[in-house]
Amino acid sequence: MTYSCHLDFDSYFKLCAHRRQAEAVRAEADAKRAEADRRAALLKSLPREPPASSIPEEAVSVALRLPGGQRQERRFRLLDSMQTLFQWAEGVGVDVQKYELSSASPPLRTFR
């Protein structure tokens, strides 16, 4: 009789561990979904991108090389703020708190 109770006790702890693991997986999936929704909202809130045919003196193209090696590119109006650029960078997956943006052409400028 003691032996069967021991199996029930082990089964109970295995079930609890399985439930905790399932809850952790579900919480991680929810967090990823929330982050994707936040990024999508950031990108949606950006001003419209000027067309490629716009006058060069009114727009600028910006390219980011992401940590994974991907490249993201977008055009901005010259009147757009740096906050708009950072918002776009965060929307495409850059943790703007960890990285800094800098110009590639002289004079080298860093923006935080």
N, C-alpha and C. Protein backbone atom coordinates (compact mmCIF):
# COMPACT_ATOMS: atom_id res chain seq x y z
N MET A 1 0.82 -1.19 0.00
CA MET A 1 0.00 0.00 0.00
C MET A 1 0.87 1.26 0.00
N THR A 2 1.93 1.27 0.73
CA THR A 2 2.82 2.41 0.79
C THR A 2 3.42 2.70 -0.58
N TYR A 3 3.74 1.62 -1.30
CA TYR A 3 4.36 1.77 -2.60
C TYR A 3 3.43 2.50 -3.59
N SER A 4 2.15 2.18 -3.63
CA SER A 4 1.22 2.83 -4.56
C SER A 4 1.04 4.30 -4.20
N CYS A 5 1.06 4.64 -2.91
CA CYS A 5 0.98 6.04 -2.51
C CYS A 5 2.21 6.81 -2.99
N HIS A 6 3.36 6.15 -2.93
CA HIS A 6 4.59 6.78 -3.39
C HIS A 6 4.51 7.09 -4.88
N LEU A 7 3.95 6.17 -5.67
CA LEU A 7 3.77 6.43 -7.11
C LEU A 7 2.82 7.58 -7.33
N ASP A 8 1.76 7.66 -6.57
CA ASP A 8 0.83 8.76 -6.71
C ASP A 8 1.51 10.09 -6.36
N PHE A 9 2.32 10.06 -5.34
CA PHE A 9 3.03 11.26 -4.92
C PHE A 9 3.99 11.70 -6.03
N ASP A 10 4.75 10.76 -6.60
CA ASP A 10 5.65 11.07 -7.71
C ASP A 10 4.88 11.58 -8.92
N SER A 11 3.78 10.95 -9.21
CA SER A 11 2.96 11.37 -10.35
C SER A 11 2.46 12.79 -10.15
N TYR A 12 2.06 13.09 -8.92
CA TYR A 12 1.57 14.44 -8.62
C TYR A 12 2.67 15.48 -8.87
N PHE A 13 3.89 15.24 -8.41
CA PHE A 13 4.98 16.19 -8.60
C PHE A 13 5.38 16.30 -10.07
N LYS A 14 5.32 15.19 -10.80
CA LYS A 14 5.59 15.24 -12.24
C LYS A 14 4.54 16.08 -12.96
N LEU A 15 3.29 15.90 -12.56
CA LEU A 15 2.21 16.67 -13.17
C LEU A 15 2.38 18.16 -12.87
N CYS A 16 2.73 18.47 -11.62
CA CYS A 16 2.95 19.88 -11.25
C CYS A 16 4.11 20.48 -12.05
N ALA A 17 5.19 19.74 -12.20
CA ALA A 17 6.34 20.23 -12.96
C ALA A 17 5.96 20.45 -14.42
N HIS A 18 5.17 19.52 -14.96
CA HIS A 18 4.72 19.66 -16.35
C HIS A 18 3.85 20.90 -16.52
N ARG A 19 2.96 21.15 -15.57
CA ARG A 19 2.09 22.34 -15.62
C ARG A 19 2.92 23.62 -15.52
N ARG A 20 3.90 23.64 -14.62
CA ARG A 20 4.75 24.83 -14.49
C ARG A 20 5.50 25.10 -15.78
N GLN A 21 6.00 24.03 -16.40
CA GLN A 21 6.72 24.18 -17.66
C GLN A 21 5.79 24.70 -18.76
N ALA A 22 4.58 24.17 -18.82
CA ALA A 22 3.62 24.63 -19.83
C ALA A 22 3.25 26.09 -19.60
N GLU A 23 3.09 26.49 -18.34
CA GLU A 23 2.78 27.89 -18.03
C GLU A 23 3.93 28.80 -18.43
N ALA A 24 5.16 28.36 -18.20
CA ALA A 24 6.33 29.16 -18.57
C ALA A 24 6.41 29.33 -20.09
N VAL A 25 6.14 28.26 -20.83
CA VAL A 25 6.15 28.33 -22.29
C VAL A 25 5.06 29.28 -22.77
N ARG A 26 3.88 29.18 -22.18
CA ARG A 26 2.77 30.05 -22.55
C ARG A 26 3.09 31.52 -22.23
N ALA A 27 3.69 31.77 -21.08
CA ALA A 27 4.05 33.15 -20.70
C ALA A 27 5.10 33.72 -21.65
N GLU A 28 6.06 32.90 -22.05
CA GLU A 28 7.08 33.35 -23.00
C GLU A 28 6.46 33.68 -24.36
N ALA A 29 5.54 32.84 -24.81
CA ALA A 29 4.86 33.09 -26.09
C ALA A 29 4.03 34.38 -26.01
N ASP A 30 3.36 34.60 -24.87
CA ASP A 30 2.58 35.83 -24.69
C ASP A 30 3.48 37.06 -24.71
N ALA A 31 4.65 36.96 -24.07
CA ALA A 31 5.58 38.08 -24.04
C ALA A 31 6.10 38.39 -25.45
N LYS A 32 6.41 37.35 -26.22
CA LYS A 32 6.89 37.57 -27.60
C LYS A 32 5.80 38.20 -28.46
N ARG A 33 4.57 37.74 -28.26
CA ARG A 33 3.45 38.29 -29.03
C ARG A 33 3.24 39.77 -28.66
N ALA A 34 3.32 40.08 -27.38
CA ALA A 34 3.16 41.47 -26.93
C ALA A 34 4.26 42.36 -27.51
N GLU A 35 5.50 41.85 -27.55
CA GLU A 35 6.62 42.62 -28.11
C GLU A 35 6.42 42.84 -29.61
N ALA A 36 5.96 41.82 -30.31
CA ALA A 36 5.70 41.97 -31.74
C ALA A 36 4.58 42.98 -31.98
N ASP A 37 3.55 42.96 -31.15
CA ASP A 37 2.46 43.94 -31.27
C ASP A 37 2.96 45.35 -31.00
N ARG A 38 3.84 45.50 -30.00
CA ARG A 38 4.39 46.82 -29.66
C ARG A 38 5.21 47.37 -30.82
N ARG A 39 6.03 46.51 -31.42
CA ARG A 39 6.85 46.94 -32.56
C ARG A 39 5.98 47.31 -33.75
N ALA A 40 4.96 46.52 -34.01
CA ALA A 40 4.05 46.82 -35.12
C ALA A 40 3.35 48.16 -34.90
N ALA A 41 2.97 48.44 -33.65
CA ALA A 41 2.34 49.72 -33.34
C ALA A 41 3.31 50.88 -33.56
N LEU A 42 4.58 50.69 -33.19
CA LEU A 42 5.59 51.73 -33.43
C LEU A 42 5.72 52.03 -34.92
N LEU A 43 5.82 50.99 -35.73
CA LEU A 43 5.98 51.18 -37.17
C LEU A 43 4.74 51.81 -37.79
N LYS A 44 3.58 51.42 -37.28
CA LYS A 44 2.33 51.98 -37.81
C LYS A 44 2.18 53.46 -37.49
N SER A 45 2.75 53.89 -36.38
CA SER A 45 2.61 55.29 -35.96
C SER A 45 3.60 56.24 -36.65
N LEU A 46 4.52 55.69 -37.44
CA LEU A 46 5.49 56.55 -38.14
C LEU A 46 4.81 57.37 -39.23
N PRO A 47 5.36 58.55 -39.51
CA PRO A 47 4.83 59.31 -40.64
C PRO A 47 5.07 58.56 -41.95
N ARG A 48 4.30 58.89 -42.95
CA ARG A 48 4.45 58.22 -44.24
C ARG A 48 5.86 58.41 -44.78
N GLU A 49 6.35 57.37 -45.41
CA GLU A 49 7.68 57.40 -46.01
C GLU A 49 7.61 58.18 -47.31
N PRO A 50 8.53 59.14 -47.52
CA PRO A 50 8.51 59.89 -48.78
C PRO A 50 8.84 58.96 -49.95
N PRO A 51 8.24 59.19 -51.10
CA PRO A 51 8.51 58.33 -52.25
C PRO A 51 9.96 58.47 -52.72
N ALA A 52 10.44 57.43 -53.37
CA ALA A 52 11.81 57.44 -53.89
C ALA A 52 12.00 58.54 -54.93
N SER A 53 10.92 58.96 -55.55
CA SER A 53 11.00 60.00 -56.57
C SER A 53 11.02 61.41 -55.99
N SER A 54 10.97 61.53 -54.66
CA SER A 54 10.96 62.86 -54.06
C SER A 54 12.30 63.58 -54.29
N ILE A 55 12.26 64.87 -54.18
CA ILE A 55 13.45 65.71 -54.39
C ILE A 55 14.52 65.33 -53.35
N PRO A 56 15.76 65.07 -53.79
CA PRO A 56 16.82 64.65 -52.85
C PRO A 56 17.03 65.60 -51.69
N GLU A 57 16.78 66.88 -51.90
CA GLU A 57 16.99 67.85 -50.82
C GLU A 57 15.90 67.78 -49.76
N GLU A 58 14.84 66.99 -50.00
CA GLU A 58 13.72 66.91 -49.06
C GLU A 58 13.66 65.59 -48.30
N ALA A 59 14.46 64.62 -48.71
CA ALA A 59 14.40 63.30 -48.07
C ALA A 59 15.78 62.68 -48.00
N VAL A 60 15.91 61.74 -47.09
CA VAL A 60 17.17 61.04 -46.91
C VAL A 60 16.87 59.55 -46.71
N SER A 61 17.74 58.70 -47.22
CA SER A 61 17.61 57.25 -47.01
C SER A 61 18.50 56.85 -45.85
N VAL A 62 17.96 56.01 -44.97
CA VAL A 62 18.70 55.53 -43.81
C VAL A 62 18.69 54.01 -43.86
N ALA A 63 19.84 53.41 -43.64
CA ALA A 63 19.95 51.95 -43.61
C ALA A 63 20.53 51.53 -42.27
N LEU A 64 19.99 50.46 -41.72
CA LEU A 64 20.50 49.89 -40.48
C LEU A 64 20.96 48.47 -40.73
N ARG A 65 22.10 48.13 -40.21
CA ARG A 65 22.54 46.74 -40.22
C ARG A 65 22.25 46.22 -38.82
N LEU A 66 21.37 45.24 -38.75
CA LEU A 66 20.94 44.70 -37.47
C LEU A 66 21.97 43.70 -36.94
N PRO A 67 21.92 43.43 -35.64
CA PRO A 67 22.90 42.52 -35.04
C PRO A 67 22.97 41.15 -35.73
N GLY A 68 21.86 40.68 -36.27
CA GLY A 68 21.85 39.38 -36.94
C GLY A 68 22.37 39.44 -38.37
N GLY A 69 22.78 40.63 -38.83
CA GLY A 69 23.31 40.78 -40.18
C GLY A 69 22.30 41.29 -41.20
N GLN A 70 21.00 41.31 -40.82
CA GLN A 70 20.00 41.81 -41.75
C GLN A 70 20.16 43.31 -41.95
N ARG A 71 19.61 43.78 -43.06
CA ARG A 71 19.69 45.20 -43.38
C ARG A 71 18.26 45.73 -43.54
N GLN A 72 17.97 46.84 -42.88
CA GLN A 72 16.68 47.51 -43.00
C GLN A 72 16.93 48.90 -43.57
N GLU A 73 16.07 49.32 -44.47
CA GLU A 73 16.25 50.62 -45.10
C GLU A 73 14.92 51.35 -45.16
N ARG A 74 14.96 52.66 -44.98
CA ARG A 74 13.76 53.49 -45.03
C ARG A 74 14.15 54.90 -45.41
N ARG A 75 13.21 55.61 -46.01
CA ARG A 75 13.41 57.02 -46.34
C ARG A 75 12.69 57.87 -45.30
N PHE A 76 13.30 59.00 -44.97
CA PHE A 76 12.72 59.96 -44.03
C PHE A 76 12.74 61.34 -44.66
N ARG A 77 11.77 62.15 -44.28
CA ARG A 77 11.80 63.56 -44.68
C ARG A 77 12.88 64.24 -43.85
N LEU A 78 13.52 65.23 -44.39
CA LEU A 78 14.56 65.94 -43.64
C LEU A 78 14.00 66.62 -42.39
N LEU A 79 12.70 66.89 -42.39
CA LEU A 79 12.07 67.54 -41.24
C LEU A 79 11.68 66.54 -40.15
N ASP A 80 11.77 65.24 -40.42
CA ASP A 80 11.45 64.24 -39.39
C ASP A 80 12.49 64.34 -38.27
N SER A 81 12.04 64.09 -37.06
CA SER A 81 12.93 64.19 -35.90
C SER A 81 13.77 62.93 -35.74
N MET A 82 14.81 63.04 -34.93
CA MET A 82 15.62 61.87 -34.59
C MET A 82 14.78 60.87 -33.81
N GLN A 83 13.80 61.37 -33.06
CA GLN A 83 12.90 60.47 -32.33
C GLN A 83 12.16 59.55 -33.31
N THR A 84 11.79 60.07 -34.47
CA THR A 84 11.13 59.26 -35.49
C THR A 84 12.07 58.18 -35.98
N LEU A 85 13.32 58.52 -36.19
CA LEU A 85 14.30 57.54 -36.63
C LEU A 85 14.50 56.46 -35.57
N PHE A 86 14.60 56.84 -34.30
CA PHE A 86 14.76 55.87 -33.23
C PHE A 86 13.52 54.99 -33.10
N GLN A 87 12.36 55.58 -33.31
CA GLN A 87 11.10 54.82 -33.26
C GLN A 87 11.10 53.75 -34.35
N TRP A 88 11.53 54.10 -35.54
CA TRP A 88 11.63 53.14 -36.64
C TRP A 88 12.64 52.05 -36.29
N ALA A 89 13.80 52.45 -35.76
CA ALA A 89 14.84 51.47 -35.41
C ALA A 89 14.30 50.48 -34.38
N GLU A 90 13.59 50.98 -33.39
CA GLU A 90 13.03 50.10 -32.38
C GLU A 90 11.95 49.20 -32.98
N GLY A 91 11.19 49.74 -33.92
CA GLY A 91 10.14 48.97 -34.57
C GLY A 91 10.66 47.82 -35.41
N VAL A 92 11.86 47.97 -35.97
CA VAL A 92 12.44 46.88 -36.78
C VAL A 92 13.27 45.91 -35.94
N GLY A 93 13.36 46.18 -34.63
CA GLY A 93 14.00 45.19 -33.77
C GLY A 93 15.29 45.61 -33.10
N VAL A 94 15.68 46.86 -33.20
CA VAL A 94 16.91 47.32 -32.53
C VAL A 94 16.56 47.74 -31.11
N ASP A 95 17.29 47.24 -30.14
CA ASP A 95 17.13 47.69 -28.77
C ASP A 95 17.91 48.99 -28.66
N VAL A 96 17.22 50.10 -28.78
CA VAL A 96 17.90 51.40 -28.86
C VAL A 96 18.62 51.77 -27.57
N GLN A 97 18.35 51.05 -26.50
CA GLN A 97 19.08 51.29 -25.25
C GLN A 97 20.46 50.64 -25.28
N LYS A 98 20.63 49.59 -26.07
CA LYS A 98 21.90 48.86 -26.14
C LYS A 98 22.84 49.38 -27.20
N TYR A 99 22.29 49.97 -28.26
CA TYR A 99 23.09 50.37 -29.40
C TYR A 99 23.02 51.87 -29.60
N GLU A 100 23.96 52.37 -30.37
CA GLU A 100 23.94 53.77 -30.74
C GLU A 100 23.93 53.86 -32.26
N LEU A 101 23.34 54.91 -32.75
CA LEU A 101 23.33 55.15 -34.19
C LEU A 101 24.44 56.13 -34.52
N SER A 102 25.15 55.86 -35.58
CA SER A 102 26.21 56.78 -35.99
C SER A 102 26.22 56.88 -37.50
N SER A 103 26.72 57.99 -37.98
CA SER A 103 26.81 58.17 -39.43
C SER A 103 28.02 57.42 -39.95
N ALA A 104 27.92 56.97 -41.19
CA ALA A 104 29.02 56.20 -41.78
C ALA A 104 29.99 57.09 -42.55
N SER A 105 29.59 58.31 -42.80
CA SER A 105 30.46 59.19 -43.59
C SER A 105 31.03 60.29 -42.69
N PRO A 106 32.20 60.76 -43.01
CA PRO A 106 32.82 61.81 -42.19
C PRO A 106 32.00 63.09 -42.23
N PRO A 107 31.99 63.86 -41.22
CA PRO A 107 32.54 63.56 -39.89
C PRO A 107 31.62 62.58 -39.17
N LEU A 108 32.22 61.62 -38.51
CA LEU A 108 31.47 60.59 -37.78
C LEU A 108 30.68 61.24 -36.65
N ARG A 109 29.37 60.99 -36.63
CA ARG A 109 28.52 61.55 -35.57
C ARG A 109 27.78 60.40 -34.92
N THR A 110 27.65 60.46 -33.62
CA THR A 110 26.93 59.45 -32.85
C THR A 110 25.69 60.08 -32.24
N PHE A 111 24.57 59.34 -32.33
CA PHE A 111 23.30 59.84 -31.80
C PHE A 111 22.78 58.88 -30.75
N ARG A 112 22.32 59.43 -29.64
CA ARG A 112 21.74 58.60 -28.56
C ARG A 112 20.35 59.07 -28.26
